[in-house]
Amino acid sequence: MKQQFTAVYKKSGKWYLGWVEELSGVNTQGRTIAEVRENLKDALMLVIETNRLVNQNDAGKTARREPLLVTV
C-alpha cells in the first residue's frame, strides 16, 4: 500500500533537520537533504510498524479493525 506524507526540511548549521508533517515522532537529521529523506523513510516505516504492533497488543484480538479512507 502506498501512502503519501509531507517531508519538511530545515537547515541548521551544517546539518539538515527533517520531519514528517502528518505524524509526530518521525524526525531525523543528516548532512544532506538526500540523507535526511532516506532517514525519514526508514523512521516513518519503523514508527508505523511499531504503532501497529503496540495497538494490536493493547487492543487484543477482540477489537474490530477496518480500513479508514480520508481525502484531505
PDB file of N, CA and C in Angstrom:
ATOM      1  N   MET A   1       0.842  -1.160   0.000  1.00  0.00           N
ATOM      2  CA  MET A   1       0.000   0.000   0.000  1.00  0.00           C
ATOM      3  C   MET A   1       0.901   1.241   0.000  1.00  0.00           C
ATOM      4  N   LYS A   2       0.603   2.173  -0.879  1.00  0.00           N
ATOM      5  CA  LYS A   2       1.349   3.424  -0.933  1.00  0.00           C
ATOM      6  C   LYS A   2       0.580   4.507  -0.198  1.00  0.00           C
ATOM      7  N   GLN A   3       1.291   5.294   0.559  1.00  0.00           N
ATOM      8  CA  GLN A   3       0.720   6.454   1.235  1.00  0.00           C
ATOM      9  C   GLN A   3       1.662   7.622   1.007  1.00  0.00           C
ATOM     10  N   GLN A   4       1.105   8.788   0.930  1.00  0.00           N
ATOM     11  CA  GLN A   4       1.925   9.977   0.726  1.00  0.00           C
ATOM     12  C   GLN A   4       1.947  10.817   1.992  1.00  0.00           C
ATOM     13  N   PHE A   5       3.125  11.272   2.368  1.00  0.00           N
ATOM     14  CA  PHE A   5       3.315  12.126   3.526  1.00  0.00           C
ATOM     15  C   PHE A   5       4.096  13.359   3.097  1.00  0.00           C
ATOM     16  N   THR A   6       4.105  14.368   3.950  1.00  0.00           N
ATOM     17  CA  THR A   6       4.831  15.600   3.652  1.00  0.00           C
ATOM     18  C   THR A   6       6.107  15.654   4.482  1.00  0.00           C
ATOM     19  N   ALA A   7       7.249  15.665   3.798  1.00  0.00           N
ATOM     20  CA  ALA A   7       8.539  15.812   4.467  1.00  0.00           C
ATOM     21  C   ALA A   7       8.881  17.295   4.534  1.00  0.00           C
ATOM     22  N   VAL A   8       9.333  17.741   5.697  1.00  0.00           N
ATOM     23  CA  VAL A   8       9.742  19.131   5.891  1.00  0.00           C
ATOM     24  C   VAL A   8      11.232  19.121   6.223  1.00  0.00           C
ATOM     25  N   TYR A   9      12.001  19.980   5.547  1.00  0.00           N
ATOM     26  CA  TYR A   9      13.446  20.059   5.745  1.00  0.00           C
ATOM     27  C   TYR A   9      13.826  21.464   6.194  1.00  0.00           C
ATOM     28  N   LYS A  10      14.788  21.538   7.119  1.00  0.00           N
ATOM     29  CA  LYS A  10      15.249  22.835   7.600  1.00  0.00           C
ATOM     30  C   LYS A  10      16.752  22.755   7.842  1.00  0.00           C
ATOM     31  N   LYS A  11      17.474  23.719   7.327  1.00  0.00           N
ATOM     32  CA  LYS A  11      18.925  23.783   7.528  1.00  0.00           C
ATOM     33  C   LYS A  11      19.208  24.316   8.929  1.00  0.00           C
ATOM     34  N   SER A  12      20.113  23.649   9.639  1.00  0.00           N
ATOM     35  CA  SER A  12      20.506  24.077  10.980  1.00  0.00           C
ATOM     36  C   SER A  12      22.022  23.917  11.094  1.00  0.00           C
ATOM     37  N   GLY A  13      22.736  24.996  10.886  1.00  0.00           N
ATOM     38  CA  GLY A  13      24.197  24.907  10.874  1.00  0.00           C
ATOM     39  C   GLY A  13      24.648  24.077   9.688  1.00  0.00           C
ATOM     40  N   LYS A  14      25.460  23.055   9.953  1.00  0.00           N
ATOM     41  CA  LYS A  14      25.945  22.174   8.882  1.00  0.00           C
ATOM     42  C   LYS A  14      25.002  20.999   8.633  1.00  0.00           C
ATOM     43  N   TRP A  15      23.929  20.928   9.372  1.00  0.00           N
ATOM     44  CA  TRP A  15      23.010  19.795   9.294  1.00  0.00           C
ATOM     45  C   TRP A  15      21.675  20.219   8.707  1.00  0.00           C
ATOM     46  N   TYR A  16      20.975  19.224   8.187  1.00  0.00           N
ATOM     47  CA  TYR A  16      19.579  19.409   7.803  1.00  0.00           C
ATOM     48  C   TYR A  16      18.729  18.618   8.784  1.00  0.00           C
ATOM     49  N   LEU A  17      17.665  19.221   9.233  1.00  0.00           N
ATOM     50  CA  LEU A  17      16.677  18.540  10.067  1.00  0.00           C
ATOM     51  C   LEU A  17      15.503  18.183   9.180  1.00  0.00           C
ATOM     52  N   GLY A  18      14.856  17.083   9.479  1.00  0.00           N
ATOM     53  CA  GLY A  18      13.692  16.692   8.697  1.00  0.00           C
ATOM     54  C   GLY A  18      12.654  16.036   9.575  1.00  0.00           C
ATOM     55  N   TRP A  19      11.390  16.249   9.215  1.00  0.00           N
ATOM     56  CA  TRP A  19      10.299  15.610   9.939  1.00  0.00           C
ATOM     57  C   TRP A  19       9.126  15.420   9.007  1.00  0.00           C
ATOM     58  N   VAL A  20       8.229  14.541   9.413  1.00  0.00           N
ATOM     59  CA  VAL A  20       7.010  14.274   8.651  1.00  0.00           C
ATOM     60  C   VAL A  20       5.894  15.081   9.285  1.00  0.00           C
ATOM     61  N   GLU A  21       5.274  15.910   8.468  1.00  0.00           N
ATOM     62  CA  GLU A  21       4.271  16.856   8.957  1.00  0.00           C
ATOM     63  C   GLU A  21       3.042  16.168   9.562  1.00  0.00           C
ATOM     64  N   GLU A  22       2.633  15.051   8.997  1.00  0.00           N
ATOM     65  CA  GLU A  22       1.373  14.419   9.386  1.00  0.00           C
ATOM     66  C   GLU A  22       1.482  13.472  10.579  1.00  0.00           C
ATOM     67  N   LEU A  23       2.686  13.133  11.000  1.00  0.00           N
ATOM     68  CA  LEU A  23       2.837  12.111  12.034  1.00  0.00           C
ATOM     69  C   LEU A  23       3.937  12.512  13.013  1.00  0.00           C
ATOM     70  N   SER A  24       3.563  12.813  14.241  1.00  0.00           N
ATOM     71  CA  SER A  24       4.571  13.223  15.221  1.00  0.00           C
ATOM     72  C   SER A  24       5.493  12.053  15.557  1.00  0.00           C
ATOM     73  N   GLY A  25       6.715  12.387  15.891  1.00  0.00           N
ATOM     74  CA  GLY A  25       7.681  11.368  16.267  1.00  0.00           C
ATOM     75  C   GLY A  25       8.552  10.889  15.127  1.00  0.00           C
ATOM     76  N   VAL A  26       8.254  11.313  13.907  1.00  0.00           N
ATOM     77  CA  VAL A  26       9.068  10.918  12.755  1.00  0.00           C
ATOM     78  C   VAL A  26       9.950  12.110  12.404  1.00  0.00           C
ATOM     79  N   ASN A  27      11.185  12.089  12.909  1.00  0.00           N
ATOM     80  CA  ASN A  27      12.120  13.166  12.626  1.00  0.00           C
ATOM     81  C   ASN A  27      13.537  12.619  12.610  1.00  0.00           C
ATOM     82  N   THR A  28      14.420  13.351  11.944  1.00  0.00           N
ATOM     83  CA  THR A  28      15.791  12.889  11.797  1.00  0.00           C
ATOM     84  C   THR A  28      16.678  14.057  11.405  1.00  0.00           C
ATOM     85  N   GLN A  29      17.945  13.764  11.180  1.00  0.00           N
ATOM     86  CA  GLN A  29      18.877  14.775  10.693  1.00  0.00           C
ATOM     87  C   GLN A  29      19.882  14.116   9.769  1.00  0.00           C
ATOM     88  N   GLY A  30      20.593  14.933   9.008  1.00  0.00           N
ATOM     89  CA  GLY A  30      21.610  14.424   8.104  1.00  0.00           C
ATOM     90  C   GLY A  30      22.409  15.563   7.515  1.00  0.00           C
ATOM     91  N   ARG A  31      23.487  15.204   6.841  1.00  0.00           N
ATOM     92  CA  ARG A  31      24.357  16.215   6.226  1.00  0.00           C
ATOM     93  C   ARG A  31      23.770  16.774   4.937  1.00  0.00           C
ATOM     94  N   THR A  32      22.916  15.990   4.271  1.00  0.00           N
ATOM     95  CA  THR A  32      22.294  16.427   3.018  1.00  0.00           C
ATOM     96  C   THR A  32      20.796  16.148   3.078  1.00  0.00           C
ATOM     97  N   ILE A  33      20.059  16.818   2.209  1.00  0.00           N
ATOM     98  CA  ILE A  33      18.616  16.549   2.136  1.00  0.00           C
ATOM     99  C   ILE A  33      18.374  15.115   1.685  1.00  0.00           C
ATOM    100  N   ALA A  34      19.201  14.619   0.778  1.00  0.00           N
ATOM    101  CA  ALA A  34      19.045  13.232   0.318  1.00  0.00           C
ATOM    102  C   ALA A  34      19.206  12.254   1.484  1.00  0.00           C
ATOM    103  N   GLU A  35      20.184  12.500   2.347  1.00  0.00           N
ATOM    104  CA  GLU A  35      20.385  11.636   3.513  1.00  0.00           C
ATOM    105  C   GLU A  35      19.191  11.725   4.461  1.00  0.00           C
ATOM    106  N   VAL A  36      18.709  12.932   4.694  1.00  0.00           N
ATOM    107  CA  VAL A  36      17.552  13.115   5.570  1.00  0.00           C
ATOM    108  C   VAL A  36      16.329  12.428   4.981  1.00  0.00           C
ATOM    109  N   ARG A  37      16.136  12.528   3.673  1.00  0.00           N
ATOM    110  CA  ARG A  37      14.992  11.889   3.011  1.00  0.00           C
ATOM    111  C   ARG A  37      15.004  10.379   3.249  1.00  0.00           C
ATOM    112  N   GLU A  38      16.157   9.752   3.067  1.00  0.00           N
ATOM    113  CA  GLU A  38      16.258   8.303   3.289  1.00  0.00           C
ATOM    114  C   GLU A  38      16.049   7.961   4.761  1.00  0.00           C
ATOM    115  N   ASN A  39      16.616   8.767   5.651  1.00  0.00           N
ATOM    116  CA  ASN A  39      16.413   8.545   7.088  1.00  0.00           C
ATOM    117  C   ASN A  39      14.941   8.670   7.467  1.00  0.00           C
ATOM    118  N   LEU A  40      14.250   9.646   6.857  1.00  0.00           N
ATOM    119  CA  LEU A  40      12.821   9.823   7.142  1.00  0.00           C
ATOM    120  C   LEU A  40      12.010   8.618   6.686  1.00  0.00           C
ATOM    121  N   LYS A  41      12.343   8.073   5.529  1.00  0.00           N
ATOM    122  CA  LYS A  41      11.628   6.885   5.047  1.00  0.00           C
ATOM    123  C   LYS A  41      11.787   5.737   6.034  1.00  0.00           C
ATOM    124  N   ASP A  42      13.022   5.531   6.500  1.00  0.00           N
ATOM    125  CA  ASP A  42      13.271   4.466   7.481  1.00  0.00           C
ATOM    126  C   ASP A  42      12.518   4.727   8.783  1.00  0.00           C
ATOM    127  N   ALA A  43      12.610   5.959   9.283  1.00  0.00           N
ATOM    128  CA  ALA A  43      11.944   6.303  10.542  1.00  0.00           C
ATOM    129  C   ALA A  43      10.433   6.166  10.425  1.00  0.00           C
ATOM    130  N   LEU A  44       9.876   6.595   9.306  1.00  0.00           N
ATOM    131  CA  LEU A  44       8.429   6.514   9.099  1.00  0.00           C
ATOM    132  C   LEU A  44       7.958   5.067   9.101  1.00  0.00           C
ATOM    133  N   MET A  45       8.671   4.202   8.396  1.00  0.00           N
ATOM    134  CA  MET A  45       8.285   2.787   8.375  1.00  0.00           C
ATOM    135  C   MET A  45       8.363   2.175   9.773  1.00  0.00           C
ATOM    136  N   LEU A  46       9.402   2.528  10.530  1.00  0.00           N
ATOM    137  CA  LEU A  46       9.547   1.996  11.890  1.00  0.00           C
ATOM    138  C   LEU A  46       8.437   2.485  12.814  1.00  0.00           C
ATOM    139  N   VAL A  47       8.094   3.758  12.738  1.00  0.00           N
ATOM    140  CA  VAL A  47       7.039   4.304  13.597  1.00  0.00           C
ATOM    141  C   VAL A  47       5.692   3.676  13.263  1.00  0.00           C
ATOM    142  N   ILE A  48       5.375   3.560  11.981  1.00  0.00           N
ATOM    143  CA  ILE A  48       4.096   2.958  11.581  1.00  0.00           C
ATOM    144  C   ILE A  48       4.023   1.504  12.037  1.00  0.00           C
ATOM    145  N   GLU A  49       5.083   0.748  11.817  1.00  0.00           N
ATOM    146  CA  GLU A  49       5.080  -0.664  12.213  1.00  0.00           C
ATOM    147  C   GLU A  49       5.007  -0.809  13.735  1.00  0.00           C
ATOM    148  N   THR A  50       5.747   0.013  14.459  1.00  0.00           N
ATOM    149  CA  THR A  50       5.712  -0.038  15.921  1.00  0.00           C
ATOM    150  C   THR A  50       4.330   0.318  16.450  1.00  0.00           C
ATOM    151  N   ASN A  51       3.732   1.383  15.911  1.00  0.00           N
ATOM    152  CA  ASN A  51       2.376   1.758  16.331  1.00  0.00           C
ATOM    153  C   ASN A  51       1.390   0.630  16.068  1.00  0.00           C
ATOM    154  N   ARG A  52       1.522  -0.014  14.929  1.00  0.00           N
ATOM    155  CA  ARG A  52       0.622  -1.115  14.583  1.00  0.00           C
ATOM    156  C   ARG A  52       0.770  -2.260  15.586  1.00  0.00           C
ATOM    157  N   LEU A  53       2.002  -2.639  15.892  1.00  0.00           N
ATOM    158  CA  LEU A  53       2.236  -3.743  16.832  1.00  0.00           C
ATOM    159  C   LEU A  53       1.753  -3.406  18.241  1.00  0.00           C
ATOM    160  N   VAL A  54       2.052  -2.201  18.701  1.00  0.00           N
ATOM    161  CA  VAL A  54       1.625  -1.787  20.043  1.00  0.00           C
ATOM    162  C   VAL A  54       0.109  -1.782  20.140  1.00  0.00           C
ATOM    163  N   ASN A  55      -0.549  -1.231  19.140  1.00  0.00           N
ATOM    164  CA  ASN A  55      -2.010  -1.162  19.175  1.00  0.00           C
ATOM    165  C   ASN A  55      -2.655  -2.534  19.064  1.00  0.00           C
ATOM    166  N   GLN A  56      -2.074  -3.427  18.289  1.00  0.00           N
ATOM    167  CA  GLN A  56      -2.624  -4.779  18.198  1.00  0.00           C
ATOM    168  C   GLN A  56      -2.519  -5.481  19.543  1.00  0.00           C
ATOM    169  N   ASN A  57      -1.402  -5.302  20.220  1.00  0.00           N
ATOM    170  CA  ASN A  57      -1.221  -5.929  21.535  1.00  0.00           C
ATOM    171  C   ASN A  57      -2.146  -5.316  22.576  1.00  0.00           C
ATOM    172  N   ASP A  58      -2.302  -3.997  22.548  1.00  0.00           N
ATOM    173  CA  ASP A  58      -3.146  -3.317  23.532  1.00  0.00           C
ATOM    174  C   ASP A  58      -4.628  -3.613  23.322  1.00  0.00           C
ATOM    175  N   ALA A  59      -5.067  -3.642  22.078  1.00  0.00           N
ATOM    176  CA  ALA A  59      -6.490  -3.821  21.785  1.00  0.00           C
ATOM    177  C   ALA A  59      -6.912  -5.280  21.900  1.00  0.00           C
ATOM    178  N   GLY A  60      -5.990  -6.181  21.656  1.00  0.00           N
ATOM    179  CA  GLY A  60      -6.321  -7.598  21.723  1.00  0.00           C
ATOM    180  C   GLY A  60      -7.027  -8.083  20.472  1.00  0.00           C
ATOM    181  N   LYS A  61      -7.345  -9.357  20.460  1.00  0.00           N
ATOM    182  CA  LYS A  61      -7.935  -9.976  19.274  1.00  0.00           C
ATOM    183  C   LYS A  61      -9.420  -9.698  19.124  1.00  0.00           C
ATOM    184  N   THR A  62     -10.058  -9.212  20.161  1.00  0.00           N
ATOM    185  CA  THR A  62     -11.499  -8.971  20.071  1.00  0.00           C
ATOM    186  C   THR A  62     -11.827  -7.591  19.507  1.00  0.00           C
ATOM    187  N   ALA A  63     -10.828  -6.748  19.338  1.00  0.00           N
ATOM    188  CA  ALA A  63     -11.066  -5.404  18.795  1.00  0.00           C
ATOM    189  C   ALA A  63     -11.381  -5.492  17.305  1.00  0.00           C
ATOM    190  N   ARG A  64     -12.218  -4.607  16.854  1.00  0.00           N
ATOM    191  CA  ARG A  64     -12.572  -4.546  15.433  1.00  0.00           C
ATOM    192  C   ARG A  64     -11.647  -3.552  14.732  1.00  0.00           C
ATOM    193  N   ARG A  65     -11.088  -3.981  13.621  1.00  0.00           N
ATOM    194  CA  ARG A  65     -10.219  -3.128  12.817  1.00  0.00           C
ATOM    195  C   ARG A  65     -10.788  -3.044  11.413  1.00  0.00           C
ATOM    196  N   GLU A  66     -10.690  -1.864  10.804  1.00  0.00           N
ATOM    197  CA  GLU A  66     -11.136  -1.697   9.422  1.00  0.00           C
ATOM    198  C   GLU A  66     -10.355  -0.559   8.782  1.00  0.00           C
ATOM    199  N   PRO A  67     -10.174  -0.607   7.472  1.00  0.00           N
ATOM    200  CA  PRO A  67      -9.510   0.491   6.777  1.00  0.00           C
ATOM    201  C   PRO A  67     -10.347   1.762   6.891  1.00  0.00           C
ATOM    202  N   LEU A  68      -9.685   2.884   6.974  1.00  0.00           N
ATOM    203  CA  LEU A  68     -10.351   4.177   7.064  1.00  0.00           C
ATOM    204  C   LEU A  68      -9.762   5.072   5.979  1.00  0.00           C
ATOM    205  N   LEU A  69     -10.575   5.468   5.032  1.00  0.00           N
ATOM    206  CA  LEU A  69     -10.125   6.279   3.909  1.00  0.00           C
ATOM    207  C   LEU A  69     -10.575   7.714   4.104  1.00  0.00           C
ATOM    208  N   VAL A  70      -9.633   8.635   4.027  1.00  0.00           N
ATOM    209  CA  VAL A  70      -9.956  10.058   4.122  1.00  0.00           C
ATOM    210  C   VAL A  70      -9.334  10.784   2.935  1.00  0.00           C
ATOM    211  N   THR A  71      -9.986  11.838   2.514  1.00  0.00           N
ATOM    212  CA  THR A  71      -9.447  12.699   1.475  1.00  0.00           C
ATOM    213  C   THR A  71      -9.189  14.058   2.096  1.00  0.00           C
ATOM    214  N   VAL A  72      -7.959  14.510   1.978  1.00  0.00           N
ATOM    215  CA  VAL A  72      -7.581  15.788   2.589  1.00  0.00           C
ATOM    216  C   VAL A  72      -7.308  16.800   1.499  1.00  0.00           C
TER     217      VAL A  72
END
